Amino acid sequence: MYKAGITIQLVFAVLFSVALTMSFTESERIKENSRVQVTEKVTRIVESKIDLAEEAVNSKKAQSLLADHQIEVIRAEVSSFRENPENYVNQMTQDESEVTDRSYSSRNPLTKALLEKVFGWKKDVKKHIEKAYSNLLIDIRIFCLTNIIGLLLAALVLFKREGLGKYAVAASSILTGIIMISALSYLDQSWLFSILLNSYSGYNYPVGIFGTFLWIFYEYRKSKKPNNDN
Protein backbone atom coordinates (compact mmCIF):
# COMPACT_ATOMS: atom_id res chain seq x y z
CA MET A 1 0.00 0.00 0.00
CA TYR A 2 2.81 2.40 0.89
CA LYS A 3 4.62 1.62 -2.37
CA ALA A 4 1.45 2.42 -4.30
CA GLY A 5 1.14 5.74 -2.48
CA ILE A 6 4.74 6.67 -3.22
CA THR A 7 4.28 5.68 -6.87
CA ILE A 8 1.19 7.89 -7.23
CA GLN A 9 3.00 10.84 -5.63
CA LEU A 10 6.00 10.43 -7.94
CA VAL A 11 3.84 10.03 -11.04
CA PHE A 12 2.03 13.29 -10.34
CA ALA A 13 5.33 14.98 -9.50
CA VAL A 14 6.62 13.93 -12.93
CA LEU A 15 3.46 15.24 -14.63
CA PHE A 16 3.84 18.61 -12.94
CA SER A 17 7.54 18.57 -13.93
CA VAL A 18 6.54 18.10 -17.56
CA ALA A 19 4.10 21.01 -17.27
CA LEU A 20 6.82 23.15 -15.67
CA THR A 21 9.23 22.35 -18.50
CA MET A 22 6.58 23.19 -21.09
CA SER A 23 6.05 26.59 -19.47
CA PHE A 24 9.58 27.38 -20.68
CA THR A 25 9.72 25.47 -23.97
CA GLU A 26 6.14 26.21 -25.09
CA SER A 27 5.73 29.71 -23.70
CA GLU A 28 4.76 31.17 -27.07
CA ARG A 29 2.10 28.51 -27.60
CA ILE A 30 0.70 29.19 -24.12
CA LYS A 31 0.50 32.89 -24.93
CA GLU A 32 -1.19 32.15 -28.25
CA ASN A 33 -3.76 29.86 -26.64
CA SER A 34 -4.59 32.55 -24.09
CA ARG A 35 -4.92 35.28 -26.72
CA VAL A 36 -8.71 34.94 -26.92
CA GLN A 37 -9.10 35.70 -23.23
CA VAL A 38 -6.61 38.54 -23.51
CA THR A 39 -8.53 40.02 -26.43
CA GLU A 40 -11.85 39.87 -24.58
CA LYS A 41 -10.49 41.71 -21.57
CA VAL A 42 -8.42 44.26 -23.48
CA THR A 43 -11.35 45.09 -25.77
CA ARG A 44 -13.26 46.44 -22.76
CA ILE A 45 -10.27 48.59 -21.79
CA VAL A 46 -9.75 49.87 -25.33
CA GLU A 47 -13.41 50.77 -25.82
CA SER A 48 -13.29 53.44 -23.12
CA LYS A 49 -10.10 54.87 -24.68
CA ILE A 50 -11.67 54.94 -28.13
CA ASP A 51 -14.74 56.72 -26.74
CA LEU A 52 -12.40 59.36 -25.29
CA ALA A 53 -10.54 59.72 -28.59
CA GLU A 54 -13.80 60.09 -30.52
CA GLU A 55 -15.05 62.70 -28.10
CA ALA A 56 -11.77 64.59 -28.28
CA VAL A 57 -11.51 64.66 -32.08
CA ASN A 58 -15.08 65.94 -32.41
CA SER A 59 -14.52 68.83 -30.03
CA LYS A 60 -14.04 72.32 -31.44
CA LYS A 61 -10.83 72.82 -29.46
CA ALA A 62 -9.25 69.67 -30.88
CA GLN A 63 -10.21 70.56 -34.43
CA SER A 64 -8.59 73.95 -34.00
CA LEU A 65 -5.37 72.36 -32.75
CA LEU A 66 -5.07 69.35 -35.06
CA ALA A 67 -4.13 69.26 -38.73
CA ASP A 68 -6.49 67.56 -41.16
CA HIS A 69 -4.25 64.49 -41.53
CA GLN A 70 -4.10 64.10 -37.74
CA ILE A 71 -7.88 64.21 -37.47
CA GLU A 72 -8.09 61.62 -40.25
CA VAL A 73 -5.71 59.28 -38.42
CA ILE A 74 -7.73 59.52 -35.18
CA ARG A 75 -11.03 58.96 -36.98
CA ALA A 76 -9.52 56.01 -38.83
CA GLU A 77 -8.52 54.48 -35.46
CA VAL A 78 -12.03 55.00 -34.12
CA SER A 79 -13.64 53.59 -37.28
CA SER A 80 -11.33 50.56 -37.29
CA PHE A 81 -12.28 49.71 -33.72
CA ARG A 82 -16.02 50.25 -34.28
CA GLU A 83 -16.05 47.97 -37.33
CA ASN A 84 -14.32 45.02 -35.64
CA PRO A 85 -13.20 45.52 -32.01
CA GLU A 86 -11.70 42.03 -31.66
CA ASN A 87 -9.65 42.33 -34.83
CA TYR A 88 -8.47 45.80 -33.83
CA VAL A 89 -7.28 44.54 -30.44
CA ASN A 90 -5.73 41.43 -31.98
CA GLN A 91 -3.67 43.57 -34.31
CA MET A 92 -2.66 45.85 -31.48
CA THR A 93 -1.59 42.98 -29.21
CA GLN A 94 0.44 41.28 -31.93
CA ASP A 95 1.99 44.24 -33.72
CA GLU A 96 3.47 47.58 -32.87
CA SER A 97 1.13 50.55 -33.00
CA GLU A 98 0.74 51.80 -36.56
CA VAL A 99 0.44 55.45 -35.58
CA THR A 100 2.92 57.26 -37.82
CA ASP A 101 5.45 59.87 -36.78
CA ARG A 102 3.62 62.36 -38.96
CA SER A 103 0.56 61.99 -36.75
CA TYR A 104 2.54 62.92 -33.67
CA SER A 105 4.62 65.69 -35.19
CA SER A 106 3.70 69.15 -34.03
CA ARG A 107 5.55 72.15 -32.72
CA ASN A 108 2.55 73.23 -30.70
CA PRO A 109 2.86 71.77 -27.17
CA LEU A 110 -0.94 71.73 -26.77
CA THR A 111 -1.32 69.71 -29.96
CA LYS A 112 1.40 67.27 -28.88
CA ALA A 113 -0.26 66.83 -25.49
CA LEU A 114 -3.61 66.17 -27.16
CA LEU A 115 -2.11 63.60 -29.55
CA GLU A 116 -0.38 61.87 -26.67
CA LYS A 117 -3.67 61.71 -24.79
CA VAL A 118 -5.41 60.23 -27.84
CA PHE A 119 -2.70 57.72 -28.80
CA GLY A 120 -0.55 57.36 -25.68
CA TRP A 121 -2.91 54.85 -24.06
CA LYS A 122 -1.76 52.21 -26.55
CA LYS A 123 1.57 51.99 -24.76
CA ASP A 124 -0.18 51.43 -21.42
CA VAL A 125 -2.45 48.75 -22.87
CA LYS A 126 0.49 46.94 -24.47
CA LYS A 127 2.33 47.04 -21.14
CA HIS A 128 -0.72 45.57 -19.43
CA ILE A 129 -0.86 42.77 -22.00
CA GLU A 130 2.84 42.00 -21.61
CA LYS A 131 2.44 41.97 -17.83
CA ALA A 132 -0.56 39.65 -18.11
CA TYR A 133 1.42 37.18 -20.21
CA SER A 134 4.37 37.41 -17.82
CA ASN A 135 2.08 36.82 -14.82
CA LEU A 136 0.51 33.87 -16.62
CA LEU A 137 3.84 32.09 -17.06
CA ILE A 138 5.03 32.98 -13.56
CA ASP A 139 1.82 31.65 -12.05
CA ILE A 140 2.05 28.38 -13.98
CA ARG A 141 5.65 27.89 -12.85
CA ILE A 142 4.93 28.66 -9.19
CA PHE A 143 1.91 26.34 -9.33
CA CYS A 144 3.89 23.45 -10.85
CA LEU A 145 7.01 23.92 -8.73
CA THR A 146 5.02 24.07 -5.49
CA ASN A 147 3.22 20.85 -6.35
CA ILE A 148 6.46 19.13 -7.36
CA ILE A 149 8.20 20.06 -4.10
CA GLY A 150 5.15 19.14 -2.03
CA LEU A 151 4.67 15.75 -3.69
CA LEU A 152 8.36 14.86 -3.50
CA LEU A 153 8.39 15.83 0.16
CA ALA A 154 5.27 13.75 0.79
CA ALA A 155 6.85 10.77 -1.00
CA LEU A 156 10.07 11.14 1.00
CA VAL A 157 8.18 11.27 4.29
CA LEU A 158 6.21 8.16 3.34
CA PHE A 159 9.40 6.38 2.26
CA LYS A 160 11.15 7.27 5.55
CA ARG A 161 8.01 6.63 7.65
CA GLU A 162 9.65 4.11 10.00
CA GLY A 163 12.35 6.53 11.08
CA LEU A 164 10.08 9.58 11.27
CA GLY A 165 7.56 8.28 13.77
CA LYS A 166 3.91 7.35 13.89
CA TYR A 167 2.64 10.56 12.30
CA ALA A 168 4.68 10.22 9.09
CA VAL A 169 1.99 8.43 7.09
CA ALA A 170 -0.67 10.93 8.19
CA ALA A 171 1.58 13.87 7.31
CA SER A 172 2.31 12.45 3.86
CA SER A 173 -1.36 11.73 3.20
CA ILE A 174 -2.52 15.16 4.37
CA LEU A 175 0.05 16.99 2.23
CA THR A 176 -0.77 14.91 -0.85
CA GLY A 177 -4.52 15.42 -0.35
CA ILE A 178 -4.14 19.18 0.03
CA ILE A 179 -2.03 19.42 -3.12
CA MET A 180 -4.47 17.41 -5.23
CA ILE A 181 -7.55 19.27 -3.97
CA SER A 182 -5.85 22.66 -4.33
CA ALA A 183 -4.60 21.83 -7.83
CA LEU A 184 -8.10 20.84 -9.00
CA SER A 185 -9.63 23.92 -7.36
CA TYR A 186 -6.94 26.17 -8.83
CA LEU A 187 -7.60 24.94 -12.36
CA ASP A 188 -11.38 24.90 -11.93
CA GLN A 189 -11.74 28.54 -10.92
CA SER A 190 -10.85 30.10 -14.30
CA TRP A 191 -7.38 30.97 -13.04
CA LEU A 192 -6.42 32.45 -16.40
CA PHE A 193 -9.03 35.20 -16.04
CA SER A 194 -7.73 35.93 -12.53
CA ILE A 195 -4.21 36.33 -13.91
CA LEU A 196 -5.42 38.67 -16.63
CA LEU A 197 -7.13 40.75 -13.95
CA ASN A 198 -3.78 40.98 -12.13
CA SER A 199 -5.15 38.99 -9.19
CA TYR A 200 -3.21 35.81 -9.88
CA SER A 201 -2.25 33.41 -7.09
CA GLY A 202 1.49 33.91 -7.32
CA TYR A 203 3.36 33.12 -4.12
CA ASN A 204 0.08 32.90 -2.21
CA TYR A 205 -0.35 29.43 -3.68
CA PRO A 206 2.64 27.78 -1.93
CA VAL A 207 1.92 29.75 1.25
CA GLY A 208 -1.65 28.45 1.17
CA ILE A 209 -0.58 24.87 0.48
CA PHE A 210 2.01 24.56 3.23
CA GLY A 211 0.13 26.78 5.65
CA THR A 212 -2.97 24.61 5.34
CA PHE A 213 -0.87 21.49 5.75
CA LEU A 214 0.69 22.75 8.98
CA TRP A 215 -2.71 23.72 10.38
CA ILE A 216 -4.41 20.40 9.52
CA PHE A 217 -1.44 18.36 10.71
CA TYR A 218 -1.35 20.29 13.99
CA GLU A 219 -5.08 19.67 14.51
CA TYR A 220 -4.61 16.00 13.65
CA ARG A 221 -1.80 15.53 16.18
CA LYS A 222 -3.77 17.42 18.81
CA SER A 223 -6.76 15.13 18.29
CA LYS A 224 -4.56 12.07 18.81
CA LYS A 225 -3.11 13.21 22.12
CA PRO A 226 -4.62 11.71 25.31
CA ASN A 227 -7.25 13.91 26.93
CA ASN A 228 -5.69 15.07 30.22
CA ASP A 229 -9.10 15.93 31.64
CA ASN A 230 -10.16 12.30 31.80
C-alpha atoms as a PDB file:
ATOM      1  CA  MET A   1       0.000   0.000   0.000  1.00  0.00           C
ATOM      2  CA  TYR A   2       2.809   2.397   0.886  1.00  0.00           C
ATOM      3  CA  LYS A   3       4.618   1.624  -2.368  1.00  0.00           C
ATOM      4  CA  ALA A   4       1.448   2.422  -4.300  1.00  0.00           C
ATOM      5  CA  GLY A   5       1.139   5.735  -2.476  1.00  0.00           C
ATOM      6  CA  ILE A   6       4.738   6.673  -3.218  1.00  0.00           C
ATOM      7  CA  THR A   7       4.276   5.684  -6.868  1.00  0.00           C
ATOM      8  CA  ILE A   8       1.190   7.893  -7.225  1.00  0.00           C
ATOM      9  CA  GLN A   9       2.997  10.839  -5.626  1.00  0.00           C
ATOM     10  CA  LEU A  10       5.997  10.431  -7.935  1.00  0.00           C
ATOM     11  CA  VAL A  11       3.842  10.029 -11.037  1.00  0.00           C
ATOM     12  CA  PHE A  12       2.025  13.290 -10.344  1.00  0.00           C
ATOM     13  CA  ALA A  13       5.328  14.983  -9.500  1.00  0.00           C
ATOM     14  CA  VAL A  14       6.618  13.930 -12.932  1.00  0.00           C
ATOM     15  CA  LEU A  15       3.460  15.238 -14.633  1.00  0.00           C
ATOM     16  CA  PHE A  16       3.843  18.611 -12.945  1.00  0.00           C
ATOM     17  CA  SER A  17       7.544  18.574 -13.931  1.00  0.00           C
ATOM     18  CA  VAL A  18       6.543  18.103 -17.564  1.00  0.00           C
ATOM     19  CA  ALA A  19       4.096  21.014 -17.266  1.00  0.00           C
ATOM     20  CA  LEU A  20       6.823  23.147 -15.671  1.00  0.00           C
ATOM     21  CA  THR A  21       9.228  22.350 -18.499  1.00  0.00           C
ATOM     22  CA  MET A  22       6.582  23.193 -21.093  1.00  0.00           C
ATOM     23  CA  SER A  23       6.048  26.591 -19.469  1.00  0.00           C
ATOM     24  CA  PHE A  24       9.583  27.383 -20.682  1.00  0.00           C
ATOM     25  CA  THR A  25       9.719  25.472 -23.969  1.00  0.00           C
ATOM     26  CA  GLU A  26       6.139  26.207 -25.086  1.00  0.00           C
ATOM     27  CA  SER A  27       5.735  29.713 -23.700  1.00  0.00           C
ATOM     28  CA  GLU A  28       4.758  31.175 -27.069  1.00  0.00           C
ATOM     29  CA  ARG A  29       2.095  28.510 -27.598  1.00  0.00           C
ATOM     30  CA  ILE A  30       0.702  29.186 -24.117  1.00  0.00           C
ATOM     31  CA  LYS A  31       0.499  32.888 -24.934  1.00  0.00           C
ATOM     32  CA  GLU A  32      -1.194  32.148 -28.253  1.00  0.00           C
ATOM     33  CA  ASN A  33      -3.764  29.865 -26.640  1.00  0.00           C
ATOM     34  CA  SER A  34      -4.592  32.555 -24.093  1.00  0.00           C
ATOM     35  CA  ARG A  35      -4.919  35.284 -26.718  1.00  0.00           C
ATOM     36  CA  VAL A  36      -8.713  34.943 -26.923  1.00  0.00           C
ATOM     37  CA  GLN A  37      -9.098  35.698 -23.227  1.00  0.00           C
ATOM     38  CA  VAL A  38      -6.608  38.544 -23.514  1.00  0.00           C
ATOM     39  CA  THR A  39      -8.525  40.021 -26.429  1.00  0.00           C
ATOM     40  CA  GLU A  40     -11.850  39.874 -24.577  1.00  0.00           C
ATOM     41  CA  LYS A  41     -10.491  41.711 -21.568  1.00  0.00           C
ATOM     42  CA  VAL A  42      -8.421  44.262 -23.478  1.00  0.00           C
ATOM     43  CA  THR A  43     -11.353  45.090 -25.769  1.00  0.00           C
ATOM     44  CA  ARG A  44     -13.259  46.445 -22.765  1.00  0.00           C
ATOM     45  CA  ILE A  45     -10.268  48.590 -21.792  1.00  0.00           C
ATOM     46  CA  VAL A  46      -9.753  49.875 -25.334  1.00  0.00           C
ATOM     47  CA  GLU A  47     -13.414  50.774 -25.816  1.00  0.00           C
ATOM     48  CA  SER A  48     -13.286  53.439 -23.119  1.00  0.00           C
ATOM     49  CA  LYS A  49     -10.105  54.874 -24.679  1.00  0.00           C
ATOM     50  CA  ILE A  50     -11.671  54.937 -28.130  1.00  0.00           C
ATOM     51  CA  ASP A  51     -14.736  56.723 -26.739  1.00  0.00           C
ATOM     52  CA  LEU A  52     -12.404  59.355 -25.294  1.00  0.00           C
ATOM     53  CA  ALA A  53     -10.537  59.716 -28.595  1.00  0.00           C
ATOM     54  CA  GLU A  54     -13.799  60.088 -30.517  1.00  0.00           C
ATOM     55  CA  GLU A  55     -15.049  62.701 -28.104  1.00  0.00           C
ATOM     56  CA  ALA A  56     -11.771  64.593 -28.282  1.00  0.00           C
ATOM     57  CA  VAL A  57     -11.513  64.662 -32.080  1.00  0.00           C
ATOM     58  CA  ASN A  58     -15.081  65.940 -32.412  1.00  0.00           C
ATOM     59  CA  SER A  59     -14.516  68.830 -30.025  1.00  0.00           C
ATOM     60  CA  LYS A  60     -14.037  72.319 -31.436  1.00  0.00           C
ATOM     61  CA  LYS A  61     -10.830  72.822 -29.462  1.00  0.00           C
ATOM     62  CA  ALA A  62      -9.249  69.666 -30.883  1.00  0.00           C
ATOM     63  CA  GLN A  63     -10.212  70.558 -34.426  1.00  0.00           C
ATOM     64  CA  SER A  64      -8.591  73.949 -34.000  1.00  0.00           C
ATOM     65  CA  LEU A  65      -5.366  72.361 -32.748  1.00  0.00           C
ATOM     66  CA  LEU A  66      -5.069  69.355 -35.058  1.00  0.00           C
ATOM     67  CA  ALA A  67      -4.135  69.263 -38.726  1.00  0.00           C
ATOM     68  CA  ASP A  68      -6.486  67.560 -41.164  1.00  0.00           C
ATOM     69  CA  HIS A  69      -4.251  64.490 -41.533  1.00  0.00           C
ATOM     70  CA  GLN A  70      -4.098  64.097 -37.743  1.00  0.00           C
ATOM     71  CA  ILE A  71      -7.883  64.215 -37.468  1.00  0.00           C
ATOM     72  CA  GLU A  72      -8.092  61.625 -40.248  1.00  0.00           C
ATOM     73  CA  VAL A  73      -5.714  59.280 -38.417  1.00  0.00           C
ATOM     74  CA  ILE A  74      -7.727  59.524 -35.185  1.00  0.00           C
ATOM     75  CA  ARG A  75     -11.026  58.965 -36.980  1.00  0.00           C
ATOM     76  CA  ALA A  76      -9.517  56.009 -38.828  1.00  0.00           C
ATOM     77  CA  GLU A  77      -8.518  54.483 -35.464  1.00  0.00           C
ATOM     78  CA  VAL A  78     -12.034  54.996 -34.120  1.00  0.00           C
ATOM     79  CA  SER A  79     -13.636  53.588 -37.275  1.00  0.00           C
ATOM     80  CA  SER A  80     -11.332  50.556 -37.291  1.00  0.00           C
ATOM     81  CA  PHE A  81     -12.277  49.711 -33.716  1.00  0.00           C
ATOM     82  CA  ARG A  82     -16.018  50.248 -34.279  1.00  0.00           C
ATOM     83  CA  GLU A  83     -16.046  47.967 -37.331  1.00  0.00           C
ATOM     84  CA  ASN A  84     -14.318  45.024 -35.643  1.00  0.00           C
ATOM     85  CA  PRO A  85     -13.203  45.520 -32.010  1.00  0.00           C
ATOM     86  CA  GLU A  86     -11.703  42.026 -31.656  1.00  0.00           C
ATOM     87  CA  ASN A  87      -9.650  42.328 -34.832  1.00  0.00           C
ATOM     88  CA  TYR A  88      -8.468  45.797 -33.828  1.00  0.00           C
ATOM     89  CA  VAL A  89      -7.280  44.543 -30.441  1.00  0.00           C
ATOM     90  CA  ASN A  90      -5.729  41.434 -31.982  1.00  0.00           C
ATOM     91  CA  GLN A  91      -3.673  43.568 -34.305  1.00  0.00           C
ATOM     92  CA  MET A  92      -2.663  45.852 -31.483  1.00  0.00           C
ATOM     93  CA  THR A  93      -1.588  42.977 -29.208  1.00  0.00           C
ATOM     94  CA  GLN A  94       0.439  41.277 -31.925  1.00  0.00           C
ATOM     95  CA  ASP A  95       1.992  44.243 -33.717  1.00  0.00           C
ATOM     96  CA  GLU A  96       3.469  47.582 -32.866  1.00  0.00           C
ATOM     97  CA  SER A  97       1.130  50.550 -33.002  1.00  0.00           C
ATOM     98  CA  GLU A  98       0.736  51.805 -36.556  1.00  0.00           C
ATOM     99  CA  VAL A  99       0.441  55.453 -35.581  1.00  0.00           C
ATOM    100  CA  THR A 100       2.918  57.262 -37.819  1.00  0.00           C
ATOM    101  CA  ASP A 101       5.448  59.871 -36.780  1.00  0.00           C
ATOM    102  CA  ARG A 102       3.617  62.357 -38.964  1.00  0.00           C
ATOM    103  CA  SER A 103       0.555  61.986 -36.753  1.00  0.00           C
ATOM    104  CA  TYR A 104       2.545  62.922 -33.674  1.00  0.00           C
ATOM    105  CA  SER A 105       4.625  65.694 -35.192  1.00  0.00           C
ATOM    106  CA  SER A 106       3.698  69.150 -34.031  1.00  0.00           C
ATOM    107  CA  ARG A 107       5.554  72.150 -32.721  1.00  0.00           C
ATOM    108  CA  ASN A 108       2.550  73.226 -30.704  1.00  0.00           C
ATOM    109  CA  PRO A 109       2.858  71.773 -27.168  1.00  0.00           C
ATOM    110  CA  LEU A 110      -0.937  71.729 -26.765  1.00  0.00           C
ATOM    111  CA  THR A 111      -1.321  69.712 -29.958  1.00  0.00           C
ATOM    112  CA  LYS A 112       1.404  67.272 -28.882  1.00  0.00           C
ATOM    113  CA  ALA A 113      -0.263  66.835 -25.493  1.00  0.00           C
ATOM    114  CA  LEU A 114      -3.610  66.169 -27.160  1.00  0.00           C
ATOM    115  CA  LEU A 115      -2.115  63.603 -29.551  1.00  0.00           C
ATOM    116  CA  GLU A 116      -0.376  61.875 -26.666  1.00  0.00           C
ATOM    117  CA  LYS A 117      -3.670  61.711 -24.788  1.00  0.00           C
ATOM    118  CA  VAL A 118      -5.407  60.231 -27.836  1.00  0.00           C
ATOM    119  CA  PHE A 119      -2.703  57.717 -28.801  1.00  0.00           C
ATOM    120  CA  GLY A 120      -0.549  57.357 -25.683  1.00  0.00           C
ATOM    121  CA  TRP A 121      -2.912  54.849 -24.055  1.00  0.00           C
ATOM    122  CA  LYS A 122      -1.756  52.208 -26.548  1.00  0.00           C
ATOM    123  CA  LYS A 123       1.571  51.987 -24.755  1.00  0.00           C
ATOM    124  CA  ASP A 124      -0.177  51.428 -21.421  1.00  0.00           C
ATOM    125  CA  VAL A 125      -2.447  48.750 -22.865  1.00  0.00           C
ATOM    126  CA  LYS A 126       0.489  46.940 -24.469  1.00  0.00           C
ATOM    127  CA  LYS A 127       2.332  47.041 -21.137  1.00  0.00           C
ATOM    128  CA  HIS A 128      -0.725  45.570 -19.428  1.00  0.00           C
ATOM    129  CA  ILE A 129      -0.858  42.773 -21.999  1.00  0.00           C
ATOM    130  CA  GLU A 130       2.839  41.995 -21.612  1.00  0.00           C
ATOM    131  CA  LYS A 131       2.440  41.973 -17.828  1.00  0.00           C
ATOM    132  CA  ALA A 132      -0.558  39.649 -18.112  1.00  0.00           C
ATOM    133  CA  TYR A 133       1.425  37.180 -20.210  1.00  0.00           C
ATOM    134  CA  SER A 134       4.367  37.407 -17.822  1.00  0.00           C
ATOM    135  CA  ASN A 135       2.077  36.823 -14.824  1.00  0.00           C
ATOM    136  CA  LEU A 136       0.507  33.874 -16.618  1.00  0.00           C
ATOM    137  CA  LEU A 137       3.844  32.094 -17.064  1.00  0.00           C
ATOM    138  CA  ILE A 138       5.035  32.982 -13.559  1.00  0.00           C
ATOM    139  CA  ASP A 139       1.821  31.646 -12.049  1.00  0.00           C
ATOM    140  CA  ILE A 140       2.046  28.380 -13.977  1.00  0.00           C
ATOM    141  CA  ARG A 141       5.647  27.893 -12.847  1.00  0.00           C
ATOM    142  CA  ILE A 142       4.927  28.659  -9.194  1.00  0.00           C
ATOM    143  CA  PHE A 143       1.911  26.336  -9.327  1.00  0.00           C
ATOM    144  CA  CYS A 144       3.889  23.448 -10.846  1.00  0.00           C
ATOM    145  CA  LEU A 145       7.015  23.925  -8.733  1.00  0.00           C
ATOM    146  CA  THR A 146       5.018  24.074  -5.494  1.00  0.00           C
ATOM    147  CA  ASN A 147       3.216  20.850  -6.354  1.00  0.00           C
ATOM    148  CA  ILE A 148       6.456  19.128  -7.356  1.00  0.00           C
ATOM    149  CA  ILE A 149       8.202  20.062  -4.104  1.00  0.00           C
ATOM    150  CA  GLY A 150       5.149  19.143  -2.035  1.00  0.00           C
ATOM    151  CA  LEU A 151       4.671  15.754  -3.687  1.00  0.00           C
ATOM    152  CA  LEU A 152       8.360  14.858  -3.498  1.00  0.00           C
ATOM    153  CA  LEU A 153       8.387  15.833   0.161  1.00  0.00           C
ATOM    154  CA  ALA A 154       5.265  13.750   0.790  1.00  0.00           C
ATOM    155  CA  ALA A 155       6.849  10.766  -0.999  1.00  0.00           C
ATOM    156  CA  LEU A 156      10.067  11.139   0.997  1.00  0.00           C
ATOM    157  CA  VAL A 157       8.176  11.270   4.293  1.00  0.00           C
ATOM    158  CA  LEU A 158       6.214   8.157   3.344  1.00  0.00           C
ATOM    159  CA  PHE A 159       9.397   6.379   2.260  1.00  0.00           C
ATOM    160  CA  LYS A 160      11.152   7.269   5.551  1.00  0.00           C
ATOM    161  CA  ARG A 161       8.013   6.626   7.653  1.00  0.00           C
ATOM    162  CA  GLU A 162       9.651   4.109  10.000  1.00  0.00           C
ATOM    163  CA  GLY A 163      12.348   6.528  11.084  1.00  0.00           C
ATOM    164  CA  LEU A 164      10.084   9.579  11.269  1.00  0.00           C
ATOM    165  CA  GLY A 165       7.561   8.282  13.767  1.00  0.00           C
ATOM    166  CA  LYS A 166       3.912   7.349  13.886  1.00  0.00           C
ATOM    167  CA  TYR A 167       2.642  10.565  12.302  1.00  0.00           C
ATOM    168  CA  ALA A 168       4.678  10.224   9.089  1.00  0.00           C
ATOM    169  CA  VAL A 169       1.986   8.434   7.087  1.00  0.00           C
ATOM    170  CA  ALA A 170      -0.668  10.927   8.186  1.00  0.00           C
ATOM    171  CA  ALA A 171       1.580  13.867   7.309  1.00  0.00           C
ATOM    172  CA  SER A 172       2.310  12.453   3.858  1.00  0.00           C
ATOM    173  CA  SER A 173      -1.357  11.729   3.196  1.00  0.00           C
ATOM    174  CA  ILE A 174      -2.519  15.157   4.369  1.00  0.00           C
ATOM    175  CA  LEU A 175       0.046  16.993   2.233  1.00  0.00           C
ATOM    176  CA  THR A 176      -0.773  14.909  -0.846  1.00  0.00           C
ATOM    177  CA  GLY A 177      -4.517  15.424  -0.352  1.00  0.00           C
ATOM    178  CA  ILE A 178      -4.141  19.184   0.029  1.00  0.00           C
ATOM    179  CA  ILE A 179      -2.031  19.424  -3.123  1.00  0.00           C
ATOM    180  CA  MET A 180      -4.469  17.411  -5.228  1.00  0.00           C
ATOM    181  CA  ILE A 181      -7.546  19.266  -3.970  1.00  0.00           C
ATOM    182  CA  SER A 182      -5.851  22.657  -4.332  1.00  0.00           C
ATOM    183  CA  ALA A 183      -4.604  21.827  -7.831  1.00  0.00           C
ATOM    184  CA  LEU A 184      -8.096  20.842  -9.000  1.00  0.00           C
ATOM    185  CA  SER A 185      -9.627  23.916  -7.361  1.00  0.00           C
ATOM    186  CA  TYR A 186      -6.937  26.167  -8.831  1.00  0.00           C
ATOM    187  CA  LEU A 187      -7.600  24.936 -12.357  1.00  0.00           C
ATOM    188  CA  ASP A 188     -11.379  24.896 -11.927  1.00  0.00           C
ATOM    189  CA  GLN A 189     -11.740  28.541 -10.923  1.00  0.00           C
ATOM    190  CA  SER A 190     -10.846  30.097 -14.296  1.00  0.00           C
ATOM    191  CA  TRP A 191      -7.381  30.967 -13.041  1.00  0.00           C
ATOM    192  CA  LEU A 192      -6.416  32.451 -16.397  1.00  0.00           C
ATOM    193  CA  PHE A 193      -9.029  35.198 -16.036  1.00  0.00           C
ATOM    194  CA  SER A 194      -7.731  35.928 -12.528  1.00  0.00           C
ATOM    195  CA  ILE A 195      -4.213  36.328 -13.914  1.00  0.00           C
ATOM    196  CA  LEU A 196      -5.424  38.673 -16.628  1.00  0.00           C
ATOM    197  CA  LEU A 197      -7.128  40.753 -13.946  1.00  0.00           C
ATOM    198  CA  ASN A 198      -3.776  40.981 -12.126  1.00  0.00           C
ATOM    199  CA  SER A 199      -5.147  38.990  -9.193  1.00  0.00           C
ATOM    200  CA  TYR A 200      -3.208  35.809  -9.884  1.00  0.00           C
ATOM    201  CA  SER A 201      -2.250  33.409  -7.093  1.00  0.00           C
ATOM    202  CA  GLY A 202       1.489  33.911  -7.321  1.00  0.00           C
ATOM    203  CA  TYR A 203       3.360  33.123  -4.121  1.00  0.00           C
ATOM    204  CA  ASN A 204       0.081  32.905  -2.214  1.00  0.00           C
ATOM    205  CA  TYR A 205      -0.352  29.431  -3.677  1.00  0.00           C
ATOM    206  CA  PRO A 206       2.641  27.783  -1.926  1.00  0.00           C
ATOM    207  CA  VAL A 207       1.917  29.749   1.249  1.00  0.00           C
ATOM    208  CA  GLY A 208      -1.651  28.446   1.172  1.00  0.00           C
ATOM    209  CA  ILE A 209      -0.579  24.867   0.482  1.00  0.00           C
ATOM    210  CA  PHE A 210       2.011  24.556   3.227  1.00  0.00           C
ATOM    211  CA  GLY A 211       0.135  26.781   5.647  1.00  0.00           C
ATOM    212  CA  THR A 212      -2.972  24.612   5.336  1.00  0.00           C
ATOM    213  CA  PHE A 213      -0.865  21.495   5.751  1.00  0.00           C
ATOM    214  CA  LEU A 214       0.691  22.751   8.976  1.00  0.00           C
ATOM    215  CA  TRP A 215      -2.708  23.717  10.380  1.00  0.00           C
ATOM    216  CA  ILE A 216      -4.412  20.405   9.522  1.00  0.00           C
ATOM    217  CA  PHE A 217      -1.442  18.357  10.707  1.00  0.00           C
ATOM    218  CA  TYR A 218      -1.354  20.289  13.988  1.00  0.00           C
ATOM    219  CA  GLU A 219      -5.082  19.667  14.513  1.00  0.00           C
ATOM    220  CA  TYR A 220      -4.615  16.001  13.648  1.00  0.00           C
ATOM    221  CA  ARG A 221      -1.804  15.533  16.176  1.00  0.00           C
ATOM    222  CA  LYS A 222      -3.770  17.418  18.812  1.00  0.00           C
ATOM    223  CA  SER A 223      -6.761  15.127  18.294  1.00  0.00           C
ATOM    224  CA  LYS A 224      -4.559  12.070  18.811  1.00  0.00           C
ATOM    225  CA  LYS A 225      -3.109  13.210  22.123  1.00  0.00           C
ATOM    226  CA  PRO A 226      -4.616  11.712  25.308  1.00  0.00           C
ATOM    227  CA  ASN A 227      -7.246  13.907  26.933  1.00  0.00           C
ATOM    228  CA  ASN A 228      -5.689  15.072  30.219  1.00  0.00           C
ATOM    229  CA  ASP A 229      -9.104  15.932  31.642  1.00  0.00           C
ATOM    230  CA  ASN A 230     -10.160  12.297  31.804  1.00  0.00           C
END
